[in-house]
C-alpha atoms as a PDB file:
ATOM      1  CA  UNK A   1      -5.812 -27.573-107.269  1.00  0.00           C
ATOM      2  CA  UNK A   2      -3.220 -25.570-109.195  1.00  0.00           C
ATOM      3  CA  UNK A   3       0.129 -27.372-109.547  1.00  0.00           C
ATOM      4  CA  UNK A   4       2.115 -24.218-108.733  1.00  0.00           C
ATOM      5  CA  UNK A   5       0.238 -23.725-105.466  1.00  0.00           C
ATOM      6  CA  UNK A   6       0.419 -27.417-104.608  1.00  0.00           C
ATOM      7  CA  UNK A   7       4.211 -27.342-104.999  1.00  0.00           C
ATOM      8  CA  UNK A   8       4.669 -24.151-103.007  1.00  0.00           C
ATOM      9  CA  UNK A   9       5.708 -24.719 -99.411  1.00  0.00           C
ATOM     10  CA  UNK A  10       3.591 -23.220 -96.657  1.00  0.00           C
ATOM     11  CA  UNK A  11       5.037 -20.135 -95.053  1.00  0.00           C
ATOM     12  CA  UNK A  12       6.771 -20.891 -91.764  1.00  0.00           C
ATOM     13  CA  UNK A  13       5.048 -20.093 -88.493  1.00  0.00           C
ATOM     14  CA  UNK A  14       6.533 -19.585 -85.084  1.00  0.00           C
ATOM     15  CA  UNK A  15       9.720 -18.125 -83.706  1.00  0.00           C
ATOM     16  CA  UNK A  16      12.718 -17.131 -85.800  1.00  0.00           C
ATOM     17  CA  UNK A  17      16.155 -15.966 -84.721  1.00  0.00           C
ATOM     18  CA  UNK A  18      19.008 -14.353 -86.607  1.00  0.00           C
ATOM     19  CA  UNK A  19      19.307 -12.101 -89.624  1.00  0.00           C
ATOM     20  CA  UNK A  20      19.474 -14.853 -92.227  1.00  0.00           C
ATOM     21  CA  UNK A  21      16.355 -16.587 -90.878  1.00  0.00           C
ATOM     22  CA  UNK A  22      14.600 -13.201 -90.885  1.00  0.00           C
ATOM     23  CA  UNK A  23      15.724 -12.424 -94.458  1.00  0.00           C
ATOM     24  CA  UNK A  24      14.615 -15.824 -95.711  1.00  0.00           C
ATOM     25  CA  UNK A  25      11.166 -15.360 -94.222  1.00  0.00           C
ATOM     26  CA  UNK A  26      10.866 -11.981 -95.952  1.00  0.00           C
ATOM     27  CA  UNK A  27      11.928 -13.571 -99.266  1.00  0.00           C
ATOM     28  CA  UNK A  28       9.421 -16.401 -98.799  1.00  0.00           C
ATOM     29  CA  UNK A  29       6.630 -13.981 -97.870  1.00  0.00           C
ATOM     30  CA  UNK A  30       7.133 -11.781-100.933  1.00  0.00           C
ATOM     31  CA  UNK A  31       7.275 -14.844-103.192  1.00  0.00           C
ATOM     32  CA  UNK A  32       3.993 -16.020-101.626  1.00  0.00           C
ATOM     33  CA  UNK A  33       2.489 -12.533-102.107  1.00  0.00           C
ATOM     34  CA  UNK A  34       3.237 -12.787-105.831  1.00  0.00           C
ATOM     35  CA  UNK A  35       2.114 -16.392-106.137  1.00  0.00           C
ATOM     36  CA  UNK A  36      -1.080 -16.024-104.084  1.00  0.00           C
ATOM     37  CA  UNK A  37      -2.008 -12.500-105.158  1.00  0.00           C
ATOM     38  CA  UNK A  38      -2.085 -10.786-101.764  1.00  0.00           C
ATOM     39  CA  UNK A  39      -3.844  -7.463-102.316  1.00  0.00           C
ATOM     40  CA  UNK A  40      -1.970  -5.446 -99.718  1.00  0.00           C
ATOM     41  CA  UNK A  41       1.415  -5.377 -98.036  1.00  0.00           C
ATOM     42  CA  UNK A  42       2.755  -3.235 -95.217  1.00  0.00           C
ATOM     43  CA  UNK A  43       6.509  -3.222 -94.640  1.00  0.00           C
ATOM     44  CA  UNK A  44       7.723  -1.434 -91.530  1.00  0.00           C
ATOM     45  CA  UNK A  45      11.211  -0.989 -90.108  1.00  0.00           C
ATOM     46  CA  UNK A  46      13.382   1.792 -88.732  1.00  0.00           C
ATOM     47  CA  UNK A  47      15.684   1.711 -91.780  1.00  0.00           C
ATOM     48  CA  UNK A  48      15.288  -1.617 -93.692  1.00  0.00           C
ATOM     49  CA  UNK A  49      19.029  -2.323 -93.371  1.00  0.00           C
ATOM     50  CA  UNK A  50      18.525  -6.048 -92.635  1.00  0.00           C
ATOM     51  CA  UNK A  51      15.816  -6.589 -95.245  1.00  0.00           C
ATOM     52  CA  UNK A  52      16.713  -8.319 -98.557  1.00  0.00           C
ATOM     53  CA  UNK A  53      14.819  -5.710-100.595  1.00  0.00           C
ATOM     54  CA  UNK A  54      17.652  -5.107-103.052  1.00  0.00           C
ATOM     55  CA  UNK A  55      18.007  -8.745-104.097  1.00  0.00           C
ATOM     56  CA  UNK A  56      17.049  -9.568-107.662  1.00  0.00           C
ATOM     57  CA  UNK A  57      14.682 -12.400-106.649  1.00  0.00           C
ATOM     58  CA  UNK A  58      12.904 -10.173-104.132  1.00  0.00           C
ATOM     59  CA  UNK A  59      12.405  -7.391-106.682  1.00  0.00           C
ATOM     60  CA  UNK A  60      11.214 -10.029-109.189  1.00  0.00           C
ATOM     61  CA  UNK A  61       8.653 -11.215-106.606  1.00  0.00           C
ATOM     62  CA  UNK A  62       7.488  -7.642-106.075  1.00  0.00           C
ATOM     63  CA  UNK A  63       7.271  -7.107-109.829  1.00  0.00           C
ATOM     64  CA  UNK A  64       5.072 -10.209-110.175  1.00  0.00           C
ATOM     65  CA  UNK A  65       2.991  -9.084-107.195  1.00  0.00           C
ATOM     66  CA  UNK A  66       2.367  -5.541-108.508  1.00  0.00           C
ATOM     67  CA  UNK A  67      -0.725  -6.063-110.620  1.00  0.00           C
ATOM     68  CA  UNK A  68      -3.937  -4.054-110.746  1.00  0.00           C
ATOM     69  CA  UNK A  69      -5.556  -3.490-107.400  1.00  0.00           C
ATOM     70  CA  UNK A  70      -2.437  -4.045-105.299  1.00  0.00           C
ATOM     71  CA  UNK A  71      -1.074  -1.606-102.779  1.00  0.00           C
ATOM     72  CA  UNK A  72       1.963  -1.434-100.558  1.00  0.00           C
ATOM     73  CA  UNK A  73       2.774   0.829 -97.630  1.00  0.00           C
ATOM     74  CA  UNK A  74       6.269   1.408 -96.264  1.00  0.00           C
ATOM     75  CA  UNK A  75       6.932   2.864 -92.829  1.00  0.00           C
ATOM     76  CA  UNK A  76      10.456   3.849 -91.797  1.00  0.00           C
ATOM     77  CA  UNK A  77      12.211   6.229 -89.479  1.00  0.00           C
ATOM     78  CA  UNK A  78      14.805   6.932 -92.177  1.00  0.00           C
ATOM     79  CA  UNK A  79      14.937   5.948 -95.862  1.00  0.00           C
ATOM     80  CA  UNK A  80      18.589   6.900 -96.469  1.00  0.00           C
ATOM     81  CA  UNK A  81      19.959   3.382 -95.921  1.00  0.00           C
ATOM     82  CA  UNK A  82      17.211   1.840 -98.045  1.00  0.00           C
ATOM     83  CA  UNK A  83      18.233   4.141-100.917  1.00  0.00           C
ATOM     84  CA  UNK A  84      21.922   3.363-100.409  1.00  0.00           C
ATOM     85  CA  UNK A  85      21.687  -0.407 -99.881  1.00  0.00           C
ATOM     86  CA  UNK A  86      18.744  -1.418-102.064  1.00  0.00           C
ATOM     87  CA  UNK A  87      18.993   0.375-105.440  1.00  0.00           C
ATOM     88  CA  UNK A  88      17.012  -2.322-107.290  1.00  0.00           C
ATOM     89  CA  UNK A  89      14.126  -1.847-104.878  1.00  0.00           C
ATOM     90  CA  UNK A  90      14.314   1.952-105.234  1.00  0.00           C
ATOM     91  CA  UNK A  91      14.139   1.617-109.030  1.00  0.00           C
ATOM     92  CA  UNK A  92      11.170  -0.757-108.766  1.00  0.00           C
ATOM     93  CA  UNK A  93       9.476   1.647-106.332  1.00  0.00           C
ATOM     94  CA  UNK A  94       9.824   4.501-108.864  1.00  0.00           C
ATOM     95  CA  UNK A  95       8.077   2.427-111.520  1.00  0.00           C
ATOM     96  CA  UNK A  96       5.230   1.441-109.186  1.00  0.00           C
ATOM     97  CA  UNK A  97       4.846   4.713-107.272  1.00  0.00           C
ATOM     98  CA  UNK A  98       1.098   4.732-107.943  1.00  0.00           C
ATOM     99  CA  UNK A  99       0.591   1.667-105.691  1.00  0.00           C
ATOM    100  CA  UNK A 100       3.165   2.498-103.010  1.00  0.00           C
ATOM    101  CA  UNK A 101       2.713   4.843-100.063  1.00  0.00           C
ATOM    102  CA  UNK A 102       5.743   5.751 -97.969  1.00  0.00           C
ATOM    103  CA  UNK A 103       5.514   7.180 -94.472  1.00  0.00           C
ATOM    104  CA  UNK A 104       8.176   8.532 -92.116  1.00  0.00           C
ATOM    105  CA  UNK A 105       7.784   7.525 -88.487  1.00  0.00           C
ATOM    106  CA  UNK A 106       7.890  10.346 -85.964  1.00  0.00           C
ATOM    107  CA  UNK A 107      10.500  10.308 -83.250  1.00  0.00           C
ATOM    108  CA  UNK A 108      14.129   9.324 -83.140  1.00  0.00           C
ATOM    109  CA  UNK A 109      14.194   5.917 -81.420  1.00  0.00           C
ATOM    110  CA  UNK A 110      14.763   3.200 -84.045  1.00  0.00           C
ATOM    111  CA  UNK A 111      13.680   0.508 -81.573  1.00  0.00           C
ATOM    112  CA  UNK A 112      10.264   2.152 -81.135  1.00  0.00           C
ATOM    113  CA  UNK A 113       9.324   1.674 -84.808  1.00  0.00           C
ATOM    114  CA  UNK A 114       7.713  -1.702 -85.554  1.00  0.00           C
ATOM    115  CA  UNK A 115       9.781  -4.098 -87.648  1.00  0.00           C
ATOM    116  CA  UNK A 116       7.129  -6.088 -89.462  1.00  0.00           C
ATOM    117  CA  UNK A 117       5.633  -7.396 -92.666  1.00  0.00           C
ATOM    118  CA  UNK A 118       1.838  -7.492 -92.676  1.00  0.00           C
ATOM    119  CA  UNK A 119      -0.379  -9.139 -95.257  1.00  0.00           C
ATOM    120  CA  UNK A 120      -3.989 -10.313 -95.231  1.00  0.00           C
ATOM    121  CA  UNK A 121      -2.729 -13.924 -95.047  1.00  0.00           C
ATOM    122  CA  UNK A 122       0.437 -13.950 -92.912  1.00  0.00           C
ATOM    123  CA  UNK A 123       2.506 -11.684 -90.679  1.00  0.00           C
ATOM    124  CA  UNK A 124       6.120 -11.370 -89.622  1.00  0.00           C
ATOM    125  CA  UNK A 125       7.139  -9.322 -86.598  1.00  0.00           C
ATOM    126  CA  UNK A 126      10.636  -8.775 -85.264  1.00  0.00           C
ATOM    127  CA  UNK A 127      10.258  -8.111 -81.565  1.00  0.00           C
ATOM    128  CA  UNK A 128      14.034  -7.671 -81.168  1.00  0.00           C
ATOM    129  CA  UNK A 129      15.429  -6.036 -84.338  1.00  0.00           C
ATOM    130  CA  UNK A 130      18.975  -5.923 -82.939  1.00  0.00           C
ATOM    131  CA  UNK A 131      19.163  -9.732 -82.717  1.00  0.00           C
ATOM    132  CA  UNK A 132      16.532 -10.339 -85.439  1.00  0.00           C
ATOM    133  CA  UNK A 133      14.291 -12.331 -83.120  1.00  0.00           C
ATOM    134  CA  UNK A 134      10.577 -12.506 -83.805  1.00  0.00           C
ATOM    135  CA  UNK A 135       7.605 -14.560 -84.871  1.00  0.00           C
ATOM    136  CA  UNK A 136       5.609 -15.348 -87.971  1.00  0.00           C
ATOM    137  CA  UNK A 137       1.981 -16.401 -87.985  1.00  0.00           C
ATOM    138  CA  UNK A 138      -1.125 -16.783 -90.122  1.00  0.00           C
ATOM    139  CA  UNK A 139      -3.533 -16.793 -87.151  1.00  0.00           C
ATOM    140  CA  UNK A 140      -6.279 -14.166 -87.659  1.00  0.00           C
ATOM    141  CA  UNK A 141      -5.933 -12.670 -84.176  1.00  0.00           C
ATOM    142  CA  UNK A 142      -2.221 -11.998 -84.681  1.00  0.00           C
ATOM    143  CA  UNK A 143      -2.866 -10.435 -88.083  1.00  0.00           C
ATOM    144  CA  UNK A 144      -5.526  -8.116 -86.624  1.00  0.00           C
ATOM    145  CA  UNK A 145      -3.340  -7.160 -83.655  1.00  0.00           C
ATOM    146  CA  UNK A 146      -0.355  -6.292 -85.851  1.00  0.00           C
ATOM    147  CA  UNK A 147      -2.548  -4.379 -88.304  1.00  0.00           C
ATOM    148  CA  UNK A 148      -3.938  -2.267 -85.459  1.00  0.00           C
ATOM    149  CA  UNK A 149      -0.402  -1.478 -84.262  1.00  0.00           C
ATOM    150  CA  UNK A 150       0.716  -0.529 -87.776  1.00  0.00           C
ATOM    151  CA  UNK A 151      -2.429   1.532 -88.405  1.00  0.00           C
ATOM    152  CA  UNK A 152      -1.682   3.529 -85.237  1.00  0.00           C
ATOM    153  CA  UNK A 153       1.774   4.359 -86.627  1.00  0.00           C
ATOM    154  CA  UNK A 154       0.521   5.075 -90.125  1.00  0.00           C
ATOM    155  CA  UNK A 155      -2.382   7.291 -89.054  1.00  0.00           C
ATOM    156  CA  UNK A 156      -1.047   9.080 -85.969  1.00  0.00           C
ATOM    157  CA  UNK A 157       2.711   8.663 -85.713  1.00  0.00           C
ATOM    158  CA  UNK A 158       3.964   9.269 -89.249  1.00  0.00           C
ATOM    159  CA  UNK A 159       3.870  11.639 -92.191  1.00  0.00           C
ATOM    160  CA  UNK A 160       4.331  11.264 -95.975  1.00  0.00           C
ATOM    161  CA  UNK A 161       7.938  10.644 -97.028  1.00  0.00           C
ATOM    162  CA  UNK A 162      10.343   9.176 -99.597  1.00  0.00           C
ATOM    163  CA  UNK A 163       8.870  10.533-102.837  1.00  0.00           C
ATOM    164  CA  UNK A 164       9.563   8.450-105.927  1.00  0.00           C
ATOM    165  CA  UNK A 165      10.993  11.500-107.642  1.00  0.00           C
ATOM    166  CA  UNK A 166      11.720  15.109-106.804  1.00  0.00           C
ATOM    167  CA  UNK A 167       9.887  17.559-109.020  1.00  0.00           C
ATOM    168  CA  UNK A 168      10.797  21.221-109.196  1.00  0.00           C
ATOM    169  CA  UNK A 169       8.217  23.917-109.799  1.00  0.00           C
END
């Protein structure tokens, strides 16, 4: 067994409550994605305001994660706050545009858009984004259920958005 993996704590499972608990679980998940080589990530939220995406350690985790064969999908109702609050993430996203797909959710209700992080190994879902209450789990049934919900949004309830750069013709 690899020493780095043996020393790494298991990702938490079960209920979480509060913004800091939510943020820490996102940090831990992205560190695990880098460490364990998760091939795919889906990040979904109305606006990513509460997410720690602009933190140096989070961007470092994403940088380590972004090797050949990886892909990441973002789903948001609005990307304006992500651009304003998370400039490090936006810069990283520009560099790795070829592995990142961004989609804009249809509609105007921020509470209708899932607030979740999906991976092949572990999921996080905020069921109450206002109070940052949700659950995390590695159980296969939960991962499949969340993936189906996100796929519905990505395939039928969203359109391409948030280009890495604006090119004039």
